[in-house]
Amino acid sequence: MIEAATASSNASNSERAMIADRLLDAAGISVDRLPMLPVVFDRMARLMADAMRQKSPSPSYISVSYVENNRIGDVLDEFESNALVAVLYSPEWDARVLVGFDRDFIFTLVDVLFGADGTEPPIDEERPFSNIETRIARTMFELAAKSLAESFAPIAETTLKIERIESRMDFAVVGRRNNPAVVARLLQQAIGRGGEVFVVMPHSTLNPLRQRLSQVLSGEMSGRDKQWTQHFHNEIQRTEVKLEAILEEREMSLGDLSDLQVGQVIELQATARSPVTLACNEQPVFTCQLGQLDGSYTLQIDELIHEEEKDLFDDLRNR
């Protein structure tokens, strides 16, 4: 009787699990209805790229390729024998997520951190990852976990810890292989090469955060990165530009141009009081008045030619 009751209980639990899976499949998680989810992964990519720039002499760029729904097993099968995967655990969510680096990402990462400039040929061979490559990847996994946790911070309190790192996808278990998940793919570019980072978050992990992910937080979609804005401003201020002062322009035919002789004088209609156009990169910027000071010609700026650019100049001047 006890064995029969136990068998009946196990069957009942299995049926409940199957029903739950079917309901989850039917409901699903539409990425389009969670506008904050791409924002989270965009922030993660930016944080990872910033951290990598601090660790290597060559600049690295990471951007989000796309965010989509997929089966956990399908993603892992795609990267079998071609990636390292870290299983991350969040005590606040009581759930696990996957972060993986493909072979090209790891090899590029090693080259960048050791000072390669891209002139060396990339590694192109199927072999197990070395201990050094695995240890470097672990350091990057810790950075990726921190970046992902910080990216989720405005939505929910999050900490992510590395439970283990796997090279065999069969052991990278965060749920049933046929369970649906949100998969984000991030592309890395450095020294003329690239690689891929992928993040797998089961739907069951994101379900409690659905409501918050569906609401656009104030300033998240359009807010500027203050540190990057200041850096951008500083670089613009140091940029050298070539200016041209144009007193007069006239049209000439090709025949007139071919008839010009050395020493010939071309009379101008402009006078000393004619406005002078100050141009940069063949684009007129200011109108000026011609003057003279200590034996040199001078220009006094009168007005900005394109008023719609005034806000840009004011912004650069006042920061």
C-alpha atoms as a PDB file:
ATOM      1  CA  MET A   1       0.000   0.000   0.000  1.00  0.00           C
ATOM      2  CA  ILE A   2       2.824   2.404   0.913  1.00  0.00           C
ATOM      3  CA  GLU A   3       4.659   1.697  -2.366  1.00  0.00           C
ATOM      4  CA  ALA A   4       1.449   2.219  -4.326  1.00  0.00           C
ATOM      5  CA  ALA A   5       0.803   5.511  -2.572  1.00  0.00           C
ATOM      6  CA  THR A   6       4.377   6.642  -3.251  1.00  0.00           C
ATOM      7  CA  ALA A   7       4.104   5.712  -6.920  1.00  0.00           C
ATOM      8  CA  SER A   8       0.792   7.533  -7.155  1.00  0.00           C
ATOM      9  CA  SER A   9       2.331  10.615  -5.517  1.00  0.00           C
ATOM     10  CA  ASN A  10       5.310  10.594  -7.917  1.00  0.00           C
ATOM     11  CA  ALA A  11       2.993  10.254 -10.901  1.00  0.00           C
ATOM     12  CA  SER A  12       0.893  13.124  -9.612  1.00  0.00           C
ATOM     13  CA  ASN A  13       3.982  15.331  -9.191  1.00  0.00           C
ATOM     14  CA  SER A  14       5.150  14.446 -12.690  1.00  0.00           C
ATOM     15  CA  GLU A  15       1.762  15.359 -14.135  1.00  0.00           C
ATOM     16  CA  ARG A  16       1.802  18.677 -12.275  1.00  0.00           C
ATOM     17  CA  ALA A  17       5.259  19.416 -13.676  1.00  0.00           C
ATOM     18  CA  MET A  18       4.098  18.620 -17.201  1.00  0.00           C
ATOM     19  CA  ILE A  19       1.026  20.825 -16.783  1.00  0.00           C
ATOM     20  CA  ALA A  20       3.188  23.652 -15.431  1.00  0.00           C
ATOM     21  CA  ASP A  21       5.529  23.320 -18.426  1.00  0.00           C
ATOM     22  CA  ARG A  22       2.613  23.451 -20.859  1.00  0.00           C
ATOM     23  CA  LEU A  23       1.154  26.519 -19.166  1.00  0.00           C
ATOM     24  CA  LEU A  24       4.564  28.203 -19.217  1.00  0.00           C
ATOM     25  CA  ASP A  25       4.965  27.380 -22.898  1.00  0.00           C
ATOM     26  CA  ALA A  26       1.524  28.776 -23.630  1.00  0.00           C
ATOM     27  CA  ALA A  27       2.068  31.975 -21.665  1.00  0.00           C
ATOM     28  CA  GLY A  28       5.717  32.416 -22.556  1.00  0.00           C
ATOM     29  CA  ILE A  29       7.641  35.640 -22.102  1.00  0.00           C
ATOM     30  CA  SER A  30       7.487  38.072 -24.962  1.00  0.00           C
ATOM     31  CA  VAL A  31      10.672  40.111 -25.132  1.00  0.00           C
ATOM     32  CA  ASP A  32       8.733  42.863 -26.916  1.00  0.00           C
ATOM     33  CA  ARG A  33       6.533  43.273 -23.850  1.00  0.00           C
ATOM     34  CA  LEU A  34       9.527  43.636 -21.528  1.00  0.00           C
ATOM     35  CA  PRO A  35      11.179  46.876 -22.707  1.00  0.00           C
ATOM     36  CA  MET A  36      13.560  46.950 -19.757  1.00  0.00           C
ATOM     37  CA  LEU A  37      15.135  43.625 -20.678  1.00  0.00           C
ATOM     38  CA  PRO A  38      17.128  44.932 -23.679  1.00  0.00           C
ATOM     39  CA  VAL A  39      18.112  47.923 -21.530  1.00  0.00           C
ATOM     40  CA  VAL A  40      19.521  45.556 -18.905  1.00  0.00           C
ATOM     41  CA  PHE A  41      21.646  43.717 -21.461  1.00  0.00           C
ATOM     42  CA  ASP A  42      22.768  46.984 -23.081  1.00  0.00           C
ATOM     43  CA  ARG A  43      23.997  48.169 -19.694  1.00  0.00           C
ATOM     44  CA  MET A  44      25.715  44.843 -19.089  1.00  0.00           C
ATOM     45  CA  ALA A  45      27.547  45.142 -22.421  1.00  0.00           C
ATOM     46  CA  ARG A  46      28.654  48.689 -21.614  1.00  0.00           C
ATOM     47  CA  LEU A  47      29.901  47.767 -18.138  1.00  0.00           C
ATOM     48  CA  MET A  48      31.842  44.776 -19.468  1.00  0.00           C
ATOM     49  CA  ALA A  49      33.433  46.846 -22.226  1.00  0.00           C
ATOM     50  CA  ASP A  50      34.424  49.588 -19.774  1.00  0.00           C
ATOM     51  CA  ALA A  51      36.026  47.051 -17.444  1.00  0.00           C
ATOM     52  CA  MET A  52      37.934  45.401 -20.306  1.00  0.00           C
ATOM     53  CA  ARG A  53      39.300  48.753 -21.468  1.00  0.00           C
ATOM     54  CA  GLN A  54      40.818  49.249 -18.026  1.00  0.00           C
ATOM     55  CA  LYS A  55      42.584  45.886 -18.181  1.00  0.00           C
ATOM     56  CA  SER A  56      44.059  46.003 -21.681  1.00  0.00           C
ATOM     57  CA  PRO A  57      45.944  48.490 -23.869  1.00  0.00           C
ATOM     58  CA  SER A  58      43.752  47.712 -26.895  1.00  0.00           C
ATOM     59  CA  PRO A  59      40.160  48.977 -26.873  1.00  0.00           C
ATOM     60  CA  SER A  60      37.373  46.403 -26.726  1.00  0.00           C
ATOM     61  CA  TYR A  61      33.781  46.948 -27.754  1.00  0.00           C
ATOM     62  CA  ILE A  62      30.804  44.847 -26.711  1.00  0.00           C
ATOM     63  CA  SER A  63      27.323  45.333 -28.093  1.00  0.00           C
ATOM     64  CA  VAL A  64      24.029  43.458 -27.911  1.00  0.00           C
ATOM     65  CA  SER A  65      23.355  41.477 -31.066  1.00  0.00           C
ATOM     66  CA  TYR A  66      19.804  40.450 -30.164  1.00  0.00           C
ATOM     67  CA  VAL A  67      17.572  39.188 -27.363  1.00  0.00           C
ATOM     68  CA  GLU A  68      15.185  36.347 -28.144  1.00  0.00           C
ATOM     69  CA  ASN A  69      13.353  33.323 -26.775  1.00  0.00           C
ATOM     70  CA  ASN A  70      14.839  29.870 -27.231  1.00  0.00           C
ATOM     71  CA  ARG A  71      15.051  26.463 -25.610  1.00  0.00           C
ATOM     72  CA  ILE A  72      17.848  25.962 -23.106  1.00  0.00           C
ATOM     73  CA  GLY A  73      18.924  22.740 -24.787  1.00  0.00           C
ATOM     74  CA  ASP A  74      19.023  24.284 -28.263  1.00  0.00           C
ATOM     75  CA  VAL A  75      21.377  27.026 -27.104  1.00  0.00           C
ATOM     76  CA  LEU A  76      23.682  24.618 -25.292  1.00  0.00           C
ATOM     77  CA  ASP A  77      23.778  22.222 -28.253  1.00  0.00           C
ATOM     78  CA  GLU A  78      24.868  25.076 -30.501  1.00  0.00           C
ATOM     79  CA  PHE A  79      27.921  25.790 -28.317  1.00  0.00           C
ATOM     80  CA  GLU A  80      28.864  22.187 -27.495  1.00  0.00           C
ATOM     81  CA  SER A  81      32.679  21.781 -27.407  1.00  0.00           C
ATOM     82  CA  ASN A  82      33.036  25.400 -28.458  1.00  0.00           C
ATOM     83  CA  ALA A  83      32.530  27.438 -25.282  1.00  0.00           C
ATOM     84  CA  LEU A  84      32.947  27.776 -21.540  1.00  0.00           C
ATOM     85  CA  VAL A  85      29.830  28.349 -19.446  1.00  0.00           C
ATOM     86  CA  ALA A  86      29.499  29.705 -15.918  1.00  0.00           C
ATOM     87  CA  VAL A  87      26.500  28.746 -13.802  1.00  0.00           C
ATOM     88  CA  LEU A  88      25.547  31.781 -11.716  1.00  0.00           C
ATOM     89  CA  TYR A  89      23.324  31.599  -8.643  1.00  0.00           C
ATOM     90  CA  SER A  90      21.251  34.455  -7.268  1.00  0.00           C
ATOM     91  CA  PRO A  91      20.179  33.995  -3.624  1.00  0.00           C
ATOM     92  CA  GLU A  92      17.589  36.790  -3.944  1.00  0.00           C
ATOM     93  CA  TRP A  93      15.904  35.031  -6.858  1.00  0.00           C
ATOM     94  CA  ASP A  94      16.790  31.521  -5.673  1.00  0.00           C
ATOM     95  CA  ALA A  95      17.504  30.796  -9.318  1.00  0.00           C
ATOM     96  CA  ARG A  96      20.365  30.154 -11.699  1.00  0.00           C
ATOM     97  CA  VAL A  97      21.371  31.715 -15.001  1.00  0.00           C
ATOM     98  CA  LEU A  98      24.056  30.895 -17.536  1.00  0.00           C
ATOM     99  CA  VAL A  99      26.740  33.126 -18.981  1.00  0.00           C
ATOM    100  CA  GLY A 100      28.889  31.651 -21.722  1.00  0.00           C
ATOM    101  CA  PHE A 101      31.933  32.681 -23.785  1.00  0.00           C
ATOM    102  CA  ASP A 102      32.551  31.076 -27.140  1.00  0.00           C
ATOM    103  CA  ARG A 103      35.997  29.966 -28.300  1.00  0.00           C
ATOM    104  CA  ASP A 104      36.669  33.107 -30.359  1.00  0.00           C
ATOM    105  CA  PHE A 105      35.818  35.355 -27.406  1.00  0.00           C
ATOM    106  CA  ILE A 106      38.197  33.520 -25.076  1.00  0.00           C
ATOM    107  CA  PHE A 107      41.086  33.480 -27.556  1.00  0.00           C
ATOM    108  CA  THR A 108      40.571  37.166 -28.377  1.00  0.00           C
ATOM    109  CA  LEU A 109      40.349  37.967 -24.671  1.00  0.00           C
ATOM    110  CA  VAL A 110      43.673  36.258 -23.973  1.00  0.00           C
ATOM    111  CA  ASP A 111      45.368  38.066 -26.857  1.00  0.00           C
ATOM    112  CA  VAL A 112      44.026  41.460 -25.763  1.00  0.00           C
ATOM    113  CA  LEU A 113      45.006  41.045 -22.119  1.00  0.00           C
ATOM    114  CA  PHE A 114      48.531  39.996 -23.073  1.00  0.00           C
ATOM    115  CA  GLY A 115      49.033  43.029 -25.308  1.00  0.00           C
ATOM    116  CA  ALA A 116      48.475  41.640 -28.810  1.00  0.00           C
ATOM    117  CA  ASP A 117      47.840  44.240 -31.519  1.00  0.00           C
ATOM    118  CA  GLY A 118      46.088  42.033 -34.060  1.00  0.00           C
ATOM    119  CA  THR A 119      49.089  41.440 -36.324  1.00  0.00           C
ATOM    120  CA  GLU A 120      49.461  37.865 -35.075  1.00  0.00           C
ATOM    121  CA  PRO A 121      47.230  35.277 -36.776  1.00  0.00           C
ATOM    122  CA  PRO A 122      44.280  34.172 -34.603  1.00  0.00           C
ATOM    123  CA  ILE A 123      44.218  30.697 -33.080  1.00  0.00           C
ATOM    124  CA  ASP A 124      42.236  28.416 -35.348  1.00  0.00           C
ATOM    125  CA  GLU A 125      42.259  24.929 -33.939  1.00  0.00           C
ATOM    126  CA  GLU A 126      39.883  22.610 -32.154  1.00  0.00           C
ATOM    127  CA  ARG A 127      41.445  21.788 -28.796  1.00  0.00           C
ATOM    128  CA  PRO A 128      40.521  21.833 -25.106  1.00  0.00           C
ATOM    129  CA  PHE A 129      40.979  25.113 -23.288  1.00  0.00           C
ATOM    130  CA  SER A 130      44.245  25.403 -21.369  1.00  0.00           C
ATOM    131  CA  ASN A 131      44.429  26.100 -17.641  1.00  0.00           C
ATOM    132  CA  ILE A 132      45.555  29.685 -18.310  1.00  0.00           C
ATOM    133  CA  GLU A 133      42.671  30.292 -20.711  1.00  0.00           C
ATOM    134  CA  THR A 134      40.205  28.841 -18.213  1.00  0.00           C
ATOM    135  CA  ARG A 135      41.551  30.974 -15.376  1.00  0.00           C
ATOM    136  CA  ILE A 136      41.390  34.126 -17.501  1.00  0.00           C
ATOM    137  CA  ALA A 137      37.859  33.201 -18.529  1.00  0.00           C
ATOM    138  CA  ARG A 138      36.924  32.776 -14.863  1.00  0.00           C
ATOM    139  CA  THR A 139      38.127  36.317 -14.127  1.00  0.00           C
ATOM    140  CA  MET A 140      35.965  37.550 -16.991  1.00  0.00           C
ATOM    141  CA  PHE A 141      33.007  35.488 -15.737  1.00  0.00           C
ATOM    142  CA  GLU A 142      33.281  37.247 -12.380  1.00  0.00           C
ATOM    143  CA  LEU A 143      33.264  40.579 -14.192  1.00  0.00           C
ATOM    144  CA  ALA A 144      30.257  39.513 -16.308  1.00  0.00           C
ATOM    145  CA  ALA A 145      28.371  38.371 -13.188  1.00  0.00           C
ATOM    146  CA  LYS A 146      29.023  41.711 -11.509  1.00  0.00           C
ATOM    147  CA  SER A 147      27.970  43.615 -14.624  1.00  0.00           C
ATOM    148  CA  LEU A 148      24.737  41.637 -14.957  1.00  0.00           C
ATOM    149  CA  ALA A 149      23.921  42.120 -11.264  1.00  0.00           C
ATOM    150  CA  GLU A 150      24.524  45.880 -11.511  1.00  0.00           C
ATOM    151  CA  SER A 151      22.365  46.009 -14.625  1.00  0.00           C
ATOM    152  CA  PHE A 152      19.449  44.414 -12.783  1.00  0.00           C
ATOM    153  CA  ALA A 153      19.942  46.592  -9.673  1.00  0.00           C
ATOM    154  CA  PRO A 154      17.363  49.280 -10.637  1.00  0.00           C
ATOM    155  CA  ILE A 155      14.780  46.536 -11.169  1.00  0.00           C
ATOM    156  CA  ALA A 156      15.473  44.166  -8.285  1.00  0.00           C
ATOM    157  CA  GLU A 157      18.157  43.599  -5.684  1.00  0.00           C
ATOM    158  CA  THR A 158      20.515  41.129  -7.275  1.00  0.00           C
ATOM    159  CA  THR A 159      23.748  39.359  -6.476  1.00  0.00           C
ATOM    160  CA  LEU A 160      25.211  36.698  -8.713  1.00  0.00           C
ATOM    161  CA  LYS A 161      27.856  34.218  -7.611  1.00  0.00           C
ATOM    162  CA  ILE A 162      29.719  31.698  -9.728  1.00  0.00           C
ATOM    163  CA  GLU A 163      28.782  28.169  -8.718  1.00  0.00           C
ATOM    164  CA  ARG A 164      30.927  26.393 -11.281  1.00  0.00           C
ATOM    165  CA  ILE A 165      32.392  26.658 -14.756  1.00  0.00           C
ATOM    166  CA  GLU A 166      31.691  23.949 -17.310  1.00  0.00           C
ATOM    167  CA  SER A 167      33.231  23.102 -20.661  1.00  0.00           C
ATOM    168  CA  ARG A 168      30.670  20.365 -21.343  1.00  0.00           C
ATOM    169  CA  MET A 169      27.223  21.747 -22.013  1.00  0.00           C
ATOM    170  CA  ASP A 170      25.552  18.601 -20.586  1.00  0.00           C
ATOM    171  CA  PHE A 171      26.662  19.714 -17.117  1.00  0.00           C
ATOM    172  CA  ALA A 172      25.492  23.322 -17.500  1.00  0.00           C
ATOM    173  CA  VAL A 173      22.102  22.650 -15.957  1.00  0.00           C
ATOM    174  CA  VAL A 174      19.759  25.480 -14.965  1.00  0.00           C
ATOM    175  CA  GLY A 175      16.515  23.673 -15.761  1.00  0.00           C
ATOM    176  CA  ARG A 176      15.083  21.122 -18.140  1.00  0.00           C
ATOM    177  CA  ARG A 177      16.679  21.279 -21.557  1.00  0.00           C
ATOM    178  CA  ASN A 178      13.330  21.794 -23.259  1.00  0.00           C
ATOM    179  CA  ASN A 179      12.363  24.671 -20.969  1.00  0.00           C
ATOM    180  CA  PRO A 180      12.031  28.083 -22.625  1.00  0.00           C
ATOM    181  CA  ALA A 181      14.500  30.835 -21.789  1.00  0.00           C
ATOM    182  CA  VAL A 182      15.421  34.362 -22.769  1.00  0.00           C
ATOM    183  CA  VAL A 183      18.738  34.328 -24.600  1.00  0.00           C
ATOM    184  CA  ALA A 184      20.852  37.447 -25.090  1.00  0.00           C
ATOM    185  CA  ARG A 185      23.810  37.422 -27.445  1.00  0.00           C
ATOM    186  CA  LEU A 186      26.547  40.022 -27.061  1.00  0.00           C
ATOM    187  CA  LEU A 187      29.242  40.550 -29.678  1.00  0.00           C
ATOM    188  CA  GLN A 188      32.810  41.520 -28.823  1.00  0.00           C
ATOM    189  CA  GLN A 189      35.154  43.398 -31.165  1.00  0.00           C
ATOM    190  CA  ALA A 190      38.848  43.938 -30.447  1.00  0.00           C
ATOM    191  CA  ILE A 191      42.106  44.046 -32.469  1.00  0.00           C
ATOM    192  CA  GLY A 192      40.169  43.245 -35.632  1.00  0.00           C
ATOM    193  CA  ARG A 193      38.667  40.080 -34.189  1.00  0.00           C
ATOM    194  CA  GLY A 194      35.561  39.187 -32.298  1.00  0.00           C
ATOM    195  CA  GLY A 195      33.701  36.682 -30.201  1.00  0.00           C
ATOM    196  CA  GLU A 196      30.361  36.090 -28.603  1.00  0.00           C
ATOM    197  CA  VAL A 197      28.940  36.206 -25.080  1.00  0.00           C
ATOM    198  CA  PHE A 198      25.590  34.577 -24.448  1.00  0.00           C
ATOM    199  CA  VAL A 199      23.313  34.829 -21.431  1.00  0.00           C
ATOM    200  CA  VAL A 200      20.577  32.251 -20.786  1.00  0.00           C
ATOM    201  CA  MET A 201      17.833  33.163 -18.310  1.00  0.00           C
ATOM    202  CA  PRO A 202      15.009  30.608 -17.895  1.00  0.00           C
ATOM    203  CA  HIS A 203      11.486  31.998 -18.038  1.00  0.00           C
ATOM    204  CA  SER A 204      10.898  30.718 -14.518  1.00  0.00           C
ATOM    205  CA  THR A 205      13.682  33.047 -13.339  1.00  0.00           C
ATOM    206  CA  LEU A 206      12.201  36.109 -15.022  1.00  0.00           C
ATOM    207  CA  ASN A 207       8.541  35.452 -14.224  1.00  0.00           C
ATOM    208  CA  PRO A 208       8.681  37.163 -10.783  1.00  0.00           C
ATOM    209  CA  LEU A 209      10.277  40.219 -12.442  1.00  0.00           C
ATOM    210  CA  ARG A 210       7.809  40.468 -15.300  1.00  0.00           C
ATOM    211  CA  GLN A 211       5.900  43.450 -13.979  1.00  0.00           C
ATOM    212  CA  ARG A 212       9.040  45.504 -13.293  1.00  0.00           C
ATOM    213  CA  LEU A 213      10.623  44.578 -16.605  1.00  0.00           C
ATOM    214  CA  SER A 214       7.509  45.696 -18.449  1.00  0.00           C
ATOM    215  CA  GLN A 215       7.695  49.211 -16.991  1.00  0.00           C
ATOM    216  CA  VAL A 216      10.198  51.671 -18.407  1.00  0.00           C
ATOM    217  CA  LEU A 217      12.026  53.229 -15.470  1.00  0.00           C
ATOM    218  CA  SER A 218      12.401  56.990 -15.594  1.00  0.00           C
ATOM    219  CA  GLY A 219      15.621  57.986 -17.301  1.00  0.00           C
ATOM    220  CA  GLU A 220      16.641  54.455 -18.239  1.00  0.00           C
ATOM    221  CA  MET A 221      15.857  54.677 -21.936  1.00  0.00           C
ATOM    222  CA  SER A 222      17.168  58.159 -22.562  1.00  0.00           C
ATOM    223  CA  GLY A 223      19.541  58.870 -19.681  1.00  0.00           C
ATOM    224  CA  ARG A 224      23.116  59.697 -20.520  1.00  0.00           C
ATOM    225  CA  ASP A 225      26.186  58.090 -19.038  1.00  0.00           C
ATOM    226  CA  LYS A 226      27.772  61.047 -17.216  1.00  0.00           C
ATOM    227  CA  GLN A 227      31.268  59.570 -17.283  1.00  0.00           C
ATOM    228  CA  TRP A 228      31.106  58.840 -21.015  1.00  0.00           C
ATOM    229  CA  THR A 229      29.540  62.258 -21.716  1.00  0.00           C
ATOM    230  CA  GLN A 230      32.397  63.996 -19.897  1.00  0.00           C
ATOM    231  CA  HIS A 231      34.985  61.892 -21.721  1.00  0.00           C
ATOM    232  CA  PHE A 232      33.295  62.659 -25.048  1.00  0.00           C
ATOM    233  CA  HIS A 233      33.250  66.365 -24.209  1.00  0.00           C
ATOM    234  CA  ASN A 234      36.939  66.395 -23.256  1.00  0.00           C
ATOM    235  CA  GLU A 235      37.957  64.643 -26.475  1.00  0.00           C
ATOM    236  CA  ILE A 236      35.910  67.061 -28.595  1.00  0.00           C
ATOM    237  CA  GLN A 237      37.538  70.035 -26.877  1.00  0.00           C
ATOM    238  CA  ARG A 238      40.992  68.673 -27.810  1.00  0.00           C
ATOM    239  CA  THR A 239      40.081  67.957 -31.438  1.00  0.00           C
ATOM    240  CA  GLU A 240      41.999  70.099 -33.935  1.00  0.00           C
ATOM    241  CA  VAL A 241      39.987  71.584 -36.812  1.00  0.00           C
ATOM    242  CA  LYS A 242      40.955  73.568 -39.904  1.00  0.00           C
ATOM    243  CA  LEU A 243      39.054  76.803 -40.530  1.00  0.00           C
ATOM    244  CA  GLU A 244      38.759  78.669 -43.809  1.00  0.00           C
ATOM    245  CA  ALA A 245      37.834  82.358 -44.160  1.00  0.00           C
ATOM    246  CA  ILE A 246      35.951  82.970 -47.406  1.00  0.00           C
ATOM    247  CA  LEU A 247      35.711  86.578 -48.502  1.00  0.00           C
ATOM    248  CA  GLU A 248      34.018  85.955 -51.847  1.00  0.00           C
ATOM    249  CA  GLU A 249      33.047  83.065 -54.091  1.00  0.00           C
ATOM    250  CA  ARG A 250      32.200  83.165 -57.791  1.00  0.00           C
ATOM    251  CA  GLU A 251      31.414  80.675 -60.503  1.00  0.00           C
ATOM    252  CA  MET A 252      33.702  80.257 -63.504  1.00  0.00           C
ATOM    253  CA  SER A 253      33.438  78.112 -66.569  1.00  0.00           C
ATOM    254  CA  LEU A 254      36.080  75.518 -67.302  1.00  0.00           C
ATOM    255  CA  GLY A 255      37.117  77.623 -70.312  1.00  0.00           C
ATOM    256  CA  ASP A 256      37.657  80.724 -68.147  1.00  0.00           C
ATOM    257  CA  LEU A 257      39.659  78.669 -65.696  1.00  0.00           C
ATOM    258  CA  SER A 258      41.890  77.278 -68.425  1.00  0.00           C
ATOM    259  CA  ASP A 259      42.568  80.808 -69.714  1.00  0.00           C
ATOM    260  CA  LEU A 260      44.006  82.030 -66.423  1.00  0.00           C
ATOM    261  CA  GLN A 261      47.672  83.019 -66.587  1.00  0.00           C
ATOM    262  CA  VAL A 262      50.389  83.288 -63.965  1.00  0.00           C
ATOM    263  CA  GLY A 263      50.377  86.815 -62.571  1.00  0.00           C
ATOM    264  CA  GLN A 264      46.843  87.585 -63.741  1.00  0.00           C
ATOM    265  CA  VAL A 265      44.803  89.641 -61.259  1.00  0.00           C
ATOM    266  CA  ILE A 266      41.223  88.611 -60.496  1.00  0.00           C
ATOM    267  CA  GLU A 267      39.144  91.517 -59.299  1.00  0.00           C
ATOM    268  CA  LEU A 268      36.822  90.919 -56.358  1.00  0.00           C
ATOM    269  CA  GLN A 269      33.524  92.624 -55.774  1.00  0.00           C
ATOM    270  CA  ALA A 270      33.978  92.343 -52.003  1.00  0.00           C
ATOM    271  CA  THR A 271      35.079  95.290 -49.907  1.00  0.00           C
ATOM    272  CA  ALA A 272      36.663  95.588 -46.494  1.00  0.00           C
ATOM    273  CA  ARG A 273      33.156  95.736 -45.001  1.00  0.00           C
ATOM    274  CA  SER A 274      31.837  92.666 -46.807  1.00  0.00           C
ATOM    275  CA  PRO A 275      30.922  89.798 -44.469  1.00  0.00           C
ATOM    276  CA  VAL A 276      33.393  86.924 -44.363  1.00  0.00           C
ATOM    277  CA  THR A 277      32.188  83.324 -44.091  1.00  0.00           C
ATOM    278  CA  LEU A 278      34.125  81.143 -41.643  1.00  0.00           C
ATOM    279  CA  ALA A 279      33.879  77.504 -42.754  1.00  0.00           C
ATOM    280  CA  CYS A 280      34.998  74.182 -41.310  1.00  0.00           C
ATOM    281  CA  ASN A 281      35.260  71.077 -43.464  1.00  0.00           C
ATOM    282  CA  GLU A 282      33.588  73.016 -46.310  1.00  0.00           C
ATOM    283  CA  GLN A 283      30.588  73.736 -44.097  1.00  0.00           C
ATOM    284  CA  PRO A 284      29.811  77.426 -43.324  1.00  0.00           C
ATOM    285  CA  VAL A 285      29.673  78.026 -39.575  1.00  0.00           C
ATOM    286  CA  PHE A 286      29.912  81.767 -38.787  1.00  0.00           C
ATOM    287  CA  THR A 287      29.647  85.117 -40.553  1.00  0.00           C
ATOM    288  CA  CYS A 288      32.428  87.509 -39.544  1.00  0.00           C
ATOM    289  CA  GLN A 289      33.725  91.035 -40.077  1.00  0.00           C
ATOM    290  CA  LEU A 290      37.200  91.508 -41.505  1.00  0.00           C
ATOM    291  CA  GLY A 291      39.633  93.578 -39.453  1.00  0.00           C
ATOM    292  CA  GLN A 292      43.297  94.199 -38.763  1.00  0.00           C
ATOM    293  CA  LEU A 293      45.441  94.053 -35.640  1.00  0.00           C
ATOM    294  CA  ASP A 294      49.216  94.519 -35.346  1.00  0.00           C
ATOM    295  CA  GLY A 295      49.706  93.952 -39.064  1.00  0.00           C
ATOM    296  CA  SER A 296      47.596  90.794 -39.213  1.00  0.00           C
ATOM    297  CA  TYR A 297      44.123  90.216 -40.571  1.00  0.00           C
ATOM    298  CA  THR A 298      41.490  89.423 -37.958  1.00  0.00           C
ATOM    299  CA  LEU A 299      37.924  88.146 -37.949  1.00  0.00           C
ATOM    300  CA  GLN A 300      35.208  89.268 -35.578  1.00  0.00           C
ATOM    301  CA  ILE A 301      32.377  86.732 -35.326  1.00  0.00           C
ATOM    302  CA  ASP A 302      28.956  88.233 -35.938  1.00  0.00           C
ATOM    303  CA  GLU A 303      26.515  85.331 -35.858  1.00  0.00           C
ATOM    304  CA  LEU A 304      26.044  81.607 -36.227  1.00  0.00           C
ATOM    305  CA  ILE A 305      24.872  80.684 -39.709  1.00  0.00           C
ATOM    306  CA  HIS A 306      22.750  77.671 -38.698  1.00  0.00           C
ATOM    307  CA  GLU A 307      20.710  78.514 -35.629  1.00  0.00           C
ATOM    308  CA  GLU A 308      19.766  74.872 -35.082  1.00  0.00           C
ATOM    309  CA  GLU A 309      23.418  74.201 -34.176  1.00  0.00           C
ATOM    310  CA  LYS A 310      23.406  76.833 -31.457  1.00  0.00           C
ATOM    311  CA  ASP A 311      22.348  74.354 -28.758  1.00  0.00           C
ATOM    312  CA  LEU A 312      25.297  72.115 -29.620  1.00  0.00           C
ATOM    313  CA  PHE A 313      27.836  74.944 -29.349  1.00  0.00           C
ATOM    314  CA  ASP A 314      26.251  76.191 -26.124  1.00  0.00           C
ATOM    315  CA  ASP A 315      26.399  72.703 -24.671  1.00  0.00           C
ATOM    316  CA  LEU A 316      30.080  72.263 -25.579  1.00  0.00           C
ATOM    317  CA  ARG A 317      30.908  75.738 -24.222  1.00  0.00           C
ATOM    318  CA  ASN A 318      29.097  75.409 -20.904  1.00  0.00           C
ATOM    319  CA  ARG A 319      30.146  71.927 -19.804  1.00  0.00           C
END
